[in-house]
Full PDB file with SEQRES, HELIX, SHEET, SSBOND, CRYST1, ORIGX, SCALE, CONECT and MASTER records, all heavy atoms in Angstrom:
SEQRES   1 A   37  LEU SER GLY ILE PHE GLU GLY LYS THR THR GLY MET PRO          
SEQRES   2 A   37  ILE GLY PHE ILE VAL HIS ASN THR ASN GLN ASN SER LYS          
SEQRES   3 A   37  ASP TYR GLY HIS LEU LYS ASP LEU TYR ARG PRO                  
HELIX    1 AA1 SER A   25  LEU A   31  5                                   7    
SHEET    1 AA1 2 ILE A   4  PHE A   5  0                                        
SHEET    2 AA1 2 LYS A   8  THR A   9 -1                                        
CRYST1    1.000    1.000    1.000  90.00  90.00  90.00 P 1           1          
ORIGX1      1.000000  0.000000  0.000000        0.00000                         
ORIGX2      0.000000  1.000000  0.000000        0.00000                         
ORIGX3      0.000000  0.000000  1.000000        0.00000                         
SCALE1      1.000000  0.000000  0.000000        0.00000                         
SCALE2      0.000000  1.000000  0.000000        0.00000                         
SCALE3      0.000000  0.000000  1.000000        0.00000                         
ATOM      1  N   LEU A   1      22.969 240.468 261.815  1.00  0.00           N  
ATOM      2  CA  LEU A   1      21.748 240.118 262.542  1.00  0.00           C  
ATOM      3  C   LEU A   1      21.811 240.454 264.022  1.00  0.00           C  
ATOM      4  O   LEU A   1      20.771 240.667 264.659  1.00  0.00           O  
ATOM      5  CB  LEU A   1      21.463 238.622 262.376  1.00  0.00           C  
ATOM      6  CG  LEU A   1      21.348 238.094 260.940  1.00  0.00           C  
ATOM      7  CD1 LEU A   1      21.173 236.592 260.950  1.00  0.00           C  
ATOM      8  CD2 LEU A   1      20.199 238.769 260.213  1.00  0.00           C  
ATOM      9  N   SER A   2      23.011 240.467 264.588  1.00  0.00           N  
ATOM     10  CA  SER A   2      23.120 240.670 266.036  1.00  0.00           C  
ATOM     11  C   SER A   2      24.543 241.036 266.407  1.00  0.00           C  
ATOM     12  O   SER A   2      25.465 240.913 265.601  1.00  0.00           O  
ATOM     13  CB  SER A   2      22.714 239.392 266.785  1.00  0.00           C  
ATOM     14  OG  SER A   2      23.599 238.322 266.455  1.00  0.00           O  
ATOM     15  N   GLY A   3      24.717 241.483 267.655  1.00  0.00           N  
ATOM     16  CA  GLY A   3      26.048 241.680 268.209  1.00  0.00           C  
ATOM     17  C   GLY A   3      26.690 243.026 267.955  1.00  0.00           C  
ATOM     18  O   GLY A   3      27.769 243.305 268.475  1.00  0.00           O  
ATOM     19  N   ILE A   4      26.042 243.885 267.151  1.00  0.00           N  
ATOM     20  CA  ILE A   4      26.575 245.223 266.882  1.00  0.00           C  
ATOM     21  C   ILE A   4      25.449 246.232 267.089  1.00  0.00           C  
ATOM     22  O   ILE A   4      24.358 246.084 266.533  1.00  0.00           O  
ATOM     23  CB  ILE A   4      27.142 245.339 265.452  1.00  0.00           C  
ATOM     24  CG1 ILE A   4      28.282 244.338 265.239  1.00  0.00           C  
ATOM     25  CG2 ILE A   4      27.641 246.759 265.191  1.00  0.00           C  
ATOM     26  CD1 ILE A   4      28.843 244.336 263.833  1.00  0.00           C  
ATOM     27  N   PHE A   5      25.714 247.253 267.893  1.00  0.00           N  
ATOM     28  CA  PHE A   5      24.715 248.286 268.178  1.00  0.00           C  
ATOM     29  C   PHE A   5      25.388 249.644 268.126  1.00  0.00           C  
ATOM     30  O   PHE A   5      26.415 249.865 268.769  1.00  0.00           O  
ATOM     31  CB  PHE A   5      24.087 248.054 269.557  1.00  0.00           C  
ATOM     32  CG  PHE A   5      23.038 249.063 269.922  1.00  0.00           C  
ATOM     33  CD1 PHE A   5      21.843 249.138 269.229  1.00  0.00           C  
ATOM     34  CD2 PHE A   5      23.265 249.962 270.963  1.00  0.00           C  
ATOM     35  CE1 PHE A   5      20.878 250.071 269.560  1.00  0.00           C  
ATOM     36  CE2 PHE A   5      22.302 250.904 271.311  1.00  0.00           C  
ATOM     37  CZ  PHE A   5      21.100 250.964 270.597  1.00  0.00           C  
ATOM     38  N   GLU A   6      24.825 250.536 267.308  1.00  0.00           N  
ATOM     39  CA  GLU A   6      25.362 251.890 267.137  1.00  0.00           C  
ATOM     40  C   GLU A   6      26.844 251.868 266.777  1.00  0.00           C  
ATOM     41  O   GLU A   6      27.640 252.665 267.269  1.00  0.00           O  
ATOM     42  CB  GLU A   6      25.107 252.733 268.394  1.00  0.00           C  
ATOM     43  CG  GLU A   6      23.624 252.967 268.657  1.00  0.00           C  
ATOM     44  CD  GLU A   6      23.365 253.864 269.852  1.00  0.00           C  
ATOM     45  OE1 GLU A   6      24.272 253.983 270.719  1.00  0.00           O  
ATOM     46  OE2 GLU A   6      22.270 254.440 269.935  1.00  0.00           O  
ATOM     47  N   GLY A   7      27.202 250.920 265.897  1.00  0.00           N  
ATOM     48  CA  GLY A   7      28.557 250.862 265.359  1.00  0.00           C  
ATOM     49  C   GLY A   7      29.594 250.209 266.237  1.00  0.00           C  
ATOM     50  O   GLY A   7      30.780 250.217 265.902  1.00  0.00           O  
ATOM     51  N   LYS A   8      29.165 249.636 267.376  1.00  0.00           N  
ATOM     52  CA  LYS A   8      30.114 248.979 268.263  1.00  0.00           C  
ATOM     53  C   LYS A   8      29.619 247.595 268.660  1.00  0.00           C  
ATOM     54  O   LYS A   8      28.413 247.342 268.709  1.00  0.00           O  
ATOM     55  CB  LYS A   8      30.345 249.823 269.524  1.00  0.00           C  
ATOM     56  CG  LYS A   8      31.086 251.125 269.261  1.00  0.00           C  
ATOM     57  CD  LYS A   8      31.409 251.840 270.565  1.00  0.00           C  
ATOM     58  CE  LYS A   8      32.205 253.117 270.305  1.00  0.00           C  
ATOM     59  NZ  LYS A   8      32.558 253.810 271.578  1.00  0.00           N  
ATOM     60  N   THR A   9      30.573 246.718 268.958  1.00  0.00           N  
ATOM     61  CA  THR A   9      30.211 245.375 269.394  1.00  0.00           C  
ATOM     62  C   THR A   9      29.597 245.429 270.788  1.00  0.00           C  
ATOM     63  O   THR A   9      29.966 246.268 271.620  1.00  0.00           O  
ATOM     64  CB  THR A   9      31.437 244.452 269.417  1.00  0.00           C  
ATOM     65  OG1 THR A   9      32.429 245.008 270.291  1.00  0.00           O  
ATOM     66  CG2 THR A   9      32.026 244.293 268.031  1.00  0.00           C  
ATOM     67  N   THR A  10      28.668 244.517 271.035  1.00  0.00           N  
ATOM     68  CA  THR A  10      27.991 244.476 272.337  1.00  0.00           C  
ATOM     69  C   THR A  10      28.543 243.396 273.251  1.00  0.00           C  
ATOM     70  O   THR A  10      28.142 243.307 274.413  1.00  0.00           O  
ATOM     71  CB  THR A  10      26.488 244.206 272.134  1.00  0.00           C  
ATOM     72  OG1 THR A  10      26.314 242.903 271.541  1.00  0.00           O  
ATOM     73  CG2 THR A  10      25.846 245.259 271.244  1.00  0.00           C  
ATOM     74  N   GLY A  11      29.443 242.566 272.723  1.00  0.00           N  
ATOM     75  CA  GLY A  11      29.948 241.435 273.489  1.00  0.00           C  
ATOM     76  C   GLY A  11      29.128 240.182 273.268  1.00  0.00           C  
ATOM     77  O   GLY A  11      29.511 239.092 273.718  1.00  0.00           O  
ATOM     78  N   MET A  12      28.010 240.328 272.575  1.00  0.00           N  
ATOM     79  CA  MET A  12      27.165 239.189 272.240  1.00  0.00           C  
ATOM     80  C   MET A  12      27.605 238.584 270.902  1.00  0.00           C  
ATOM     81  O   MET A  12      28.358 239.202 270.151  1.00  0.00           O  
ATOM     82  CB  MET A  12      25.695 239.637 272.148  1.00  0.00           C  
ATOM     83  CG  MET A  12      25.129 240.226 273.437  1.00  0.00           C  
ATOM     84  SD  MET A  12      25.129 239.054 274.806  1.00  0.00           S  
ATOM     85  CE  MET A  12      26.488 239.715 275.808  1.00  0.00           C  
ATOM     86  N   PRO A  13      27.140 237.378 270.578  1.00  0.00           N  
ATOM     87  CA  PRO A  13      27.507 236.776 269.287  1.00  0.00           C  
ATOM     88  C   PRO A  13      27.122 237.676 268.109  1.00  0.00           C  
ATOM     89  O   PRO A  13      26.024 238.250 268.098  1.00  0.00           O  
ATOM     90  CB  PRO A  13      26.705 235.476 269.262  1.00  0.00           C  
ATOM     91  CG  PRO A  13      26.501 235.137 270.708  1.00  0.00           C  
ATOM     92  CD  PRO A  13      26.332 236.452 271.404  1.00  0.00           C  
ATOM     93  N   ILE A  14      28.027 237.805 267.163  1.00  0.00           N  
ATOM     94  CA  ILE A  14      27.772 238.595 265.954  1.00  0.00           C  
ATOM     95  C   ILE A  14      27.252 237.636 264.888  1.00  0.00           C  
ATOM     96  O   ILE A  14      28.004 236.849 264.317  1.00  0.00           O  
ATOM     97  CB  ILE A  14      29.043 239.307 265.468  1.00  0.00           C  
ATOM     98  CG1 ILE A  14      29.578 240.239 266.557  1.00  0.00           C  
ATOM     99  CG2 ILE A  14      28.769 240.082 264.185  1.00  0.00           C  
ATOM    100  CD1 ILE A  14      30.936 240.847 266.235  1.00  0.00           C  
ATOM    101  N   GLY A  15      25.963 237.696 264.640  1.00  0.00           N  
ATOM    102  CA  GLY A  15      25.351 236.845 263.626  1.00  0.00           C  
ATOM    103  C   GLY A  15      25.227 237.591 262.314  1.00  0.00           C  
ATOM    104  O   GLY A  15      24.958 238.795 262.291  1.00  0.00           O  
ATOM    105  N   PHE A  16      25.413 236.886 261.198  1.00  0.00           N  
ATOM    106  CA  PHE A  16      25.326 237.531 259.887  1.00  0.00           C  
ATOM    107  C   PHE A  16      24.874 236.521 258.837  1.00  0.00           C  
ATOM    108  O   PHE A  16      25.008 235.310 259.015  1.00  0.00           O  
ATOM    109  CB  PHE A  16      26.678 238.137 259.484  1.00  0.00           C  
ATOM    110  CG  PHE A  16      27.811 237.145 259.410  1.00  0.00           C  
ATOM    111  CD1 PHE A  16      28.107 236.479 258.232  1.00  0.00           C  
ATOM    112  CD2 PHE A  16      28.579 236.870 260.538  1.00  0.00           C  
ATOM    113  CE1 PHE A  16      29.149 235.566 258.162  1.00  0.00           C  
ATOM    114  CE2 PHE A  16      29.623 235.947 260.488  1.00  0.00           C  
ATOM    115  CZ  PHE A  16      29.906 235.297 259.293  1.00  0.00           C  
ATOM    116  N   ILE A  17      24.356 237.037 257.733  1.00  0.00           N  
ATOM    117  CA  ILE A  17      23.840 236.183 256.670  1.00  0.00           C  
ATOM    118  C   ILE A  17      24.047 236.860 255.322  1.00  0.00           C  
ATOM    119  O   ILE A  17      24.009 238.090 255.220  1.00  0.00           O  
ATOM    120  CB  ILE A  17      22.341 235.867 256.902  1.00  0.00           C  
ATOM    121  CG1 ILE A  17      21.866 234.738 255.975  1.00  0.00           C  
ATOM    122  CG2 ILE A  17      21.487 237.111 256.745  1.00  0.00           C  
ATOM    123  CD1 ILE A  17      20.482 234.226 256.329  1.00  0.00           C  
ATOM    124  N   VAL A  18      24.302 236.064 254.297  1.00  0.00           N  
ATOM    125  CA  VAL A  18      24.414 236.532 252.915  1.00  0.00           C  
ATOM    126  C   VAL A  18      23.535 235.619 252.067  1.00  0.00           C  
ATOM    127  O   VAL A  18      23.766 234.408 252.007  1.00  0.00           O  
ATOM    128  CB  VAL A  18      25.872 236.490 252.406  1.00  0.00           C  
ATOM    129  CG1 VAL A  18      25.916 236.815 250.913  1.00  0.00           C  
ATOM    130  CG2 VAL A  18      26.750 237.457 253.189  1.00  0.00           C  
ATOM    131  N   HIS A  19      22.543 236.173 251.416  1.00  0.00           N  
ATOM    132  CA  HIS A  19      21.616 235.366 250.628  1.00  0.00           C  
ATOM    133  C   HIS A  19      22.200 235.025 249.260  1.00  0.00           C  
ATOM    134  O   HIS A  19      22.847 235.856 248.620  1.00  0.00           O  
ATOM    135  CB  HIS A  19      20.289 236.102 250.454  1.00  0.00           C  
ATOM    136  CG  HIS A  19      19.464 236.162 251.709  1.00  0.00           C  
ATOM    137  ND1 HIS A  19      18.613 235.153 252.089  1.00  0.00           N  
ATOM    138  CD2 HIS A  19      19.394 237.105 252.673  1.00  0.00           C  
ATOM    139  CE1 HIS A  19      18.038 235.463 253.234  1.00  0.00           C  
ATOM    140  NE2 HIS A  19      18.495 236.652 253.623  1.00  0.00           N  
ATOM    141  N   ASN A  20      21.975 233.783 248.834  1.00  0.00           N  
ATOM    142  CA  ASN A  20      22.302 233.381 247.470  1.00  0.00           C  
ATOM    143  C   ASN A  20      21.178 233.853 246.554  1.00  0.00           C  
ATOM    144  O   ASN A  20      20.001 233.647 246.854  1.00  0.00           O  
ATOM    145  CB  ASN A  20      22.427 231.865 247.372  1.00  0.00           C  
ATOM    146  CG  ASN A  20      23.605 231.329 248.157  1.00  0.00           C  
ATOM    147  OD1 ASN A  20      24.661 231.952 248.213  1.00  0.00           O  
ATOM    148  ND2 ASN A  20      23.437 230.164 248.762  1.00  0.00           N  
ATOM    149  N   THR A  21      21.533 234.500 245.448  1.00  0.00           N  
ATOM    150  CA  THR A  21      20.500 235.062 244.563  1.00  0.00           C  
ATOM    151  C   THR A  21      20.633 234.618 243.113  1.00  0.00           C  
ATOM    152  O   THR A  21      19.749 234.881 242.310  1.00  0.00           O  
ATOM    153  CB  THR A  21      20.558 236.596 244.598  1.00  0.00           C  
ATOM    154  OG1 THR A  21      21.837 237.045 244.120  1.00  0.00           O  
ATOM    155  CG2 THR A  21      20.340 237.129 246.019  1.00  0.00           C  
ATOM    156  N   ASN A  22      21.730 233.942 242.764  1.00  0.00           N  
ATOM    157  CA  ASN A  22      21.974 233.646 241.354  1.00  0.00           C  
ATOM    158  C   ASN A  22      22.388 232.195 241.135  1.00  0.00           C  
ATOM    159  O   ASN A  22      23.297 231.885 240.386  1.00  0.00           O  
ATOM    160  CB  ASN A  22      23.043 234.602 240.800  1.00  0.00           C  
ATOM    161  CG  ASN A  22      23.162 234.541 239.288  1.00  0.00           C  
ATOM    162  OD1 ASN A  22      24.257 234.447 238.750  1.00  0.00           O  
ATOM    163  ND2 ASN A  22      22.040 234.589 238.585  1.00  0.00           N  
ATOM    164  N   GLN A  23      21.702 231.275 241.817  1.00  0.00           N  
ATOM    165  CA  GLN A  23      21.999 229.863 241.649  1.00  0.00           C  
ATOM    166  C   GLN A  23      21.419 229.346 240.321  1.00  0.00           C  
ATOM    167  O   GLN A  23      20.287 229.681 239.981  1.00  0.00           O  
ATOM    168  CB  GLN A  23      21.403 229.024 242.788  1.00  0.00           C  
ATOM    169  CG  GLN A  23      21.680 229.542 244.177  1.00  0.00           C  
ATOM    170  CD  GLN A  23      20.542 230.363 244.727  1.00  0.00           C  
ATOM    171  OE1 GLN A  23      20.062 231.268 244.075  1.00  0.00           O  
ATOM    172  NE2 GLN A  23      20.106 230.027 245.932  1.00  0.00           N  
ATOM    173  N   ASN A  24      22.189 228.562 239.609  1.00  0.00           N  
ATOM    174  CA  ASN A  24      21.702 227.845 238.426  1.00  0.00           C  
ATOM    175  C   ASN A  24      21.815 226.352 238.706  1.00  0.00           C  
ATOM    176  O   ASN A  24      22.645 225.646 238.134  1.00  0.00           O  
ATOM    177  CB  ASN A  24      22.521 228.213 237.177  1.00  0.00           C  
ATOM    178  CG  ASN A  24      22.089 229.552 236.599  1.00  0.00           C  
ATOM    179  OD1 ASN A  24      21.107 230.138 237.024  1.00  0.00           O  
ATOM    180  ND2 ASN A  24      22.831 230.026 235.615  1.00  0.00           N  
ATOM    181  N   SER A  25      20.986 225.877 239.612  1.00  0.00           N  
ATOM    182  CA  SER A  25      21.103 224.493 240.069  1.00  0.00           C  
ATOM    183  C   SER A  25      20.883 223.481 238.955  1.00  0.00           C  
ATOM    184  O   SER A  25      21.409 222.367 239.001  1.00  0.00           O  
ATOM    185  CB  SER A  25      20.110 224.247 241.211  1.00  0.00           C  
ATOM    186  OG  SER A  25      20.378 225.108 242.304  1.00  0.00           O  
ATOM    187  N   LYS A  26      20.113 223.870 237.927  1.00  0.00           N  
ATOM    188  CA  LYS A  26      19.849 222.939 236.825  1.00  0.00           C  
ATOM    189  C   LYS A  26      21.129 222.548 236.090  1.00  0.00           C  
ATOM    190  O   LYS A  26      21.197 221.485 235.470  1.00  0.00           O  
ATOM    191  CB  LYS A  26      18.864 223.554 235.839  1.00  0.00           C  
ATOM    192  CG  LYS A  26      19.314 224.870 235.224  1.00  0.00           C  
ATOM    193  CD  LYS A  26      18.283 225.417 234.256  1.00  0.00           C  
ATOM    194  CE  LYS A  26      18.654 226.802 233.743  1.00  0.00           C  
ATOM    195  NZ  LYS A  26      19.990 226.915 233.154  1.00  0.00           N  
ATOM    196  N   ASP A  27      22.163 223.404 236.170  1.00  0.00           N  
ATOM    197  CA  ASP A  27      23.431 223.097 235.496  1.00  0.00           C  
ATOM    198  C   ASP A  27      24.131 221.890 236.106  1.00  0.00           C  
ATOM    199  O   ASP A  27      25.074 221.356 235.514  1.00  0.00           O  
ATOM    200  CB  ASP A  27      24.376 224.300 235.565  1.00  0.00           C  
ATOM    201  CG  ASP A  27      23.926 225.450 234.674  1.00  0.00           C  
ATOM    202  OD1 ASP A  27      23.075 225.218 233.797  1.00  0.00           O  
ATOM    203  OD2 ASP A  27      24.423 226.579 234.868  1.00  0.00           O  
ATOM    204  N   TYR A  28      23.680 221.474 237.298  1.00  0.00           N  
ATOM    205  CA  TYR A  28      24.377 220.413 238.010  1.00  0.00           C  
ATOM    206  C   TYR A  28      23.579 219.113 238.102  1.00  0.00           C  
ATOM    207  O   TYR A  28      24.020 218.157 238.724  1.00  0.00           O  
ATOM    208  CB  TYR A  28      24.738 220.898 239.422  1.00  0.00           C  
ATOM    209  CG  TYR A  28      25.657 222.093 239.408  1.00  0.00           C  
ATOM    210  CD1 TYR A  28      25.141 223.385 239.347  1.00  0.00           C  
ATOM    211  CD2 TYR A  28      27.046 221.938 239.404  1.00  0.00           C  
ATOM    212  CE1 TYR A  28      25.978 224.490 239.305  1.00  0.00           C  
ATOM    213  CE2 TYR A  28      27.884 223.023 239.362  1.00  0.00           C  
ATOM    214  CZ  TYR A  28      27.347 224.305 239.319  1.00  0.00           C  
ATOM    215  OH  TYR A  28      28.180 225.393 239.268  1.00  0.00           O  
ATOM    216  N   GLY A  29      22.398 219.092 237.452  1.00  0.00           N  
ATOM    217  CA  GLY A  29      21.563 217.897 237.520  1.00  0.00           C  
ATOM    218  C   GLY A  29      22.238 216.656 236.981  1.00  0.00           C  
ATOM    219  O   GLY A  29      22.019 215.543 237.483  1.00  0.00           O  
ATOM    220  N   HIS A  30      23.097 216.828 235.976  1.00  0.00           N  
ATOM    221  CA  HIS A  30      23.766 215.664 235.374  1.00  0.00           C  
ATOM    222  C   HIS A  30      24.828 215.063 236.301  1.00  0.00           C  
ATOM    223  O   HIS A  30      25.353 213.982 236.028  1.00  0.00           O  
ATOM    224  CB  HIS A  30      24.413 216.058 234.054  1.00  0.00           C  
ATOM    225  CG  HIS A  30      25.563 217.019 234.190  1.00  0.00           C  
ATOM    226  ND1 HIS A  30      25.420 218.297 234.687  1.00  0.00           N  
ATOM    227  CD2 HIS A  30      26.893 216.875 233.900  1.00  0.00           C  
ATOM    228  CE1 HIS A  30      26.591 218.906 234.704  1.00  0.00           C  
ATOM    229  NE2 HIS A  30      27.505 218.065 234.228  1.00  0.00           N  
ATOM    230  N   LEU A  31      25.134 215.748 237.405  1.00  0.00           N  
ATOM    231  CA  LEU A  31      26.156 215.259 238.334  1.00  0.00           C  
ATOM    232  C   LEU A  31      25.570 214.455 239.494  1.00  0.00           C  
ATOM    233  O   LEU A  31      26.312 213.983 240.350  1.00  0.00           O  
ATOM    234  CB  LEU A  31      26.950 216.438 238.905  1.00  0.00           C  
ATOM    235  CG  LEU A  31      27.718 217.301 237.900  1.00  0.00           C  
ATOM    236  CD1 LEU A  31      28.346 218.483 238.604  1.00  0.00           C  
ATOM    237  CD2 LEU A  31      28.770 216.472 237.164  1.00  0.00           C  
ATOM    238  N   LYS A  32      24.265 214.305 239.509  1.00  0.00           N  
ATOM    239  CA  LYS A  32      23.606 213.660 240.639  1.00  0.00           C  
ATOM    240  C   LYS A  32      24.186 212.292 240.953  1.00  0.00           C  
ATOM    241  O   LYS A  32      24.359 211.924 242.121  1.00  0.00           O  
ATOM    242  CB  LYS A  32      22.113 213.532 240.357  1.00  0.00           C  
ATOM    243  CG  LYS A  32      21.314 212.922 241.493  1.00  0.00           C  
ATOM    244  CD  LYS A  32      19.837 212.901 241.169  1.00  0.00           C  
ATOM    245  CE  LYS A  32      19.040 212.310 242.328  1.00  0.00           C  
ATOM    246  NZ  LYS A  32      17.584 212.290 242.030  1.00  0.00           N  
ATOM    247  N   ASP A  33      24.504 211.531 239.932  1.00  0.00           N  
ATOM    248  CA  ASP A  33      25.007 210.167 240.144  1.00  0.00           C  
ATOM    249  C   ASP A  33      26.441 209.998 239.655  1.00  0.00           C  
ATOM    250  O   ASP A  33      26.904 208.868 239.459  1.00  0.00           O  
ATOM    251  CB  ASP A  33      24.091 209.162 239.444  1.00  0.00           C  
ATOM    252  CG  ASP A  33      22.686 209.169 240.010  1.00  0.00           C  
ATOM    253  OD1 ASP A  33      22.562 209.133 241.248  1.00  0.00           O  
ATOM    254  OD2 ASP A  33      21.727 209.239 239.229  1.00  0.00           O  
ATOM    255  N   LEU A  34      27.157 211.122 239.457  1.00  0.00           N  
ATOM    256  CA  LEU A  34      28.532 211.068 238.962  1.00  0.00           C  
ATOM    257  C   LEU A  34      29.503 211.614 240.002  1.00  0.00           C  
ATOM    258  O   LEU A  34      29.132 212.398 240.865  1.00  0.00           O  
ATOM    259  CB  LEU A  34      28.669 211.886 237.675  1.00  0.00           C  
ATOM    260  CG  LEU A  34      27.761 211.531 236.499  1.00  0.00           C  
ATOM    261  CD1 LEU A  34      28.067 212.450 235.326  1.00  0.00           C  
ATOM    262  CD2 LEU A  34      27.943 210.080 236.095  1.00  0.00           C  
ATOM    263  N   TYR A  35      30.758 211.210 239.883  1.00  0.00           N  
ATOM    264  CA  TYR A  35      31.814 211.719 240.753  1.00  0.00           C  
ATOM    265  C   TYR A  35      32.803 212.513 239.911  1.00  0.00           C  
ATOM    266  O   TYR A  35      33.501 211.955 239.058  1.00  0.00           O  
ATOM    267  CB  TYR A  35      32.538 210.572 241.454  1.00  0.00           C  
ATOM    268  CG  TYR A  35      31.647 209.700 242.306  1.00  0.00           C  
ATOM    269  CD1 TYR A  35      31.679 208.308 242.184  1.00  0.00           C  
ATOM    270  CD2 TYR A  35      30.776 210.264 243.225  1.00  0.00           C  
ATOM    271  CE1 TYR A  35      30.870 207.503 242.967  1.00  0.00           C  
ATOM    272  CE2 TYR A  35      29.959 209.467 244.020  1.00  0.00           C  
ATOM    273  CZ  TYR A  35      30.009 208.088 243.879  1.00  0.00           C  
ATOM    274  OH  TYR A  35      29.193 207.301 244.657  1.00  0.00           O  
ATOM    275  N   ARG A  36      32.868 213.821 240.155  1.00  0.00           N  
ATOM    276  CA  ARG A  36      33.815 214.651 239.407  1.00  0.00           C  
ATOM    277  C   ARG A  36      35.244 214.376 239.874  1.00  0.00           C  
ATOM    278  O   ARG A  36      35.504 214.328 241.084  1.00  0.00           O  
ATOM    279  CB  ARG A  36      33.492 216.136 239.626  1.00  0.00           C  
ATOM    280  CG  ARG A  36      32.243 216.608 238.925  1.00  0.00           C  
ATOM    281  CD  ARG A  36      31.822 217.995 239.374  1.00  0.00           C  
ATOM    282  NE  ARG A  36      31.362 217.988 240.764  1.00  0.00           N  
ATOM    283  CZ  ARG A  36      30.985 219.076 241.423  1.00  0.00           C  
ATOM    284  NH1 ARG A  36      31.028 220.262 240.832  1.00  0.00           N  
ATOM    285  NH2 ARG A  36      30.573 218.997 242.678  1.00  0.00           N  
ATOM    286  N   PRO A  37      36.169 214.202 238.940  1.00  0.00           N  
ATOM    287  CA  PRO A  37      37.565 213.936 239.299  1.00  0.00           C  
ATOM    288  C   PRO A  37      38.145 215.040 240.196  1.00  0.00           C  
ATOM    289  O   PRO A  37      37.948 216.227 239.934  1.00  0.00           O  
ATOM    290  CB  PRO A  37      38.291 213.890 237.945  1.00  0.00           C  
ATOM    291  CG  PRO A  37      37.227 213.483 236.982  1.00  0.00           C  
ATOM    292  CD  PRO A  37      35.966 214.143 237.474  1.00  0.00           C  
TER     293      PRO A  37                                                      
MASTER        0    0    0    1    2    0    0    6  292    1    0    3          
END                                                                             
């Protein structure tokens, strides 16, 4: 997102992000009120 220009660092913060695309959150609904060992 930031901090790199034309293949080199600018000295500014290097921001980056990776999107989650394959979550199966429904698989974890039964854990809402449980504590996994």
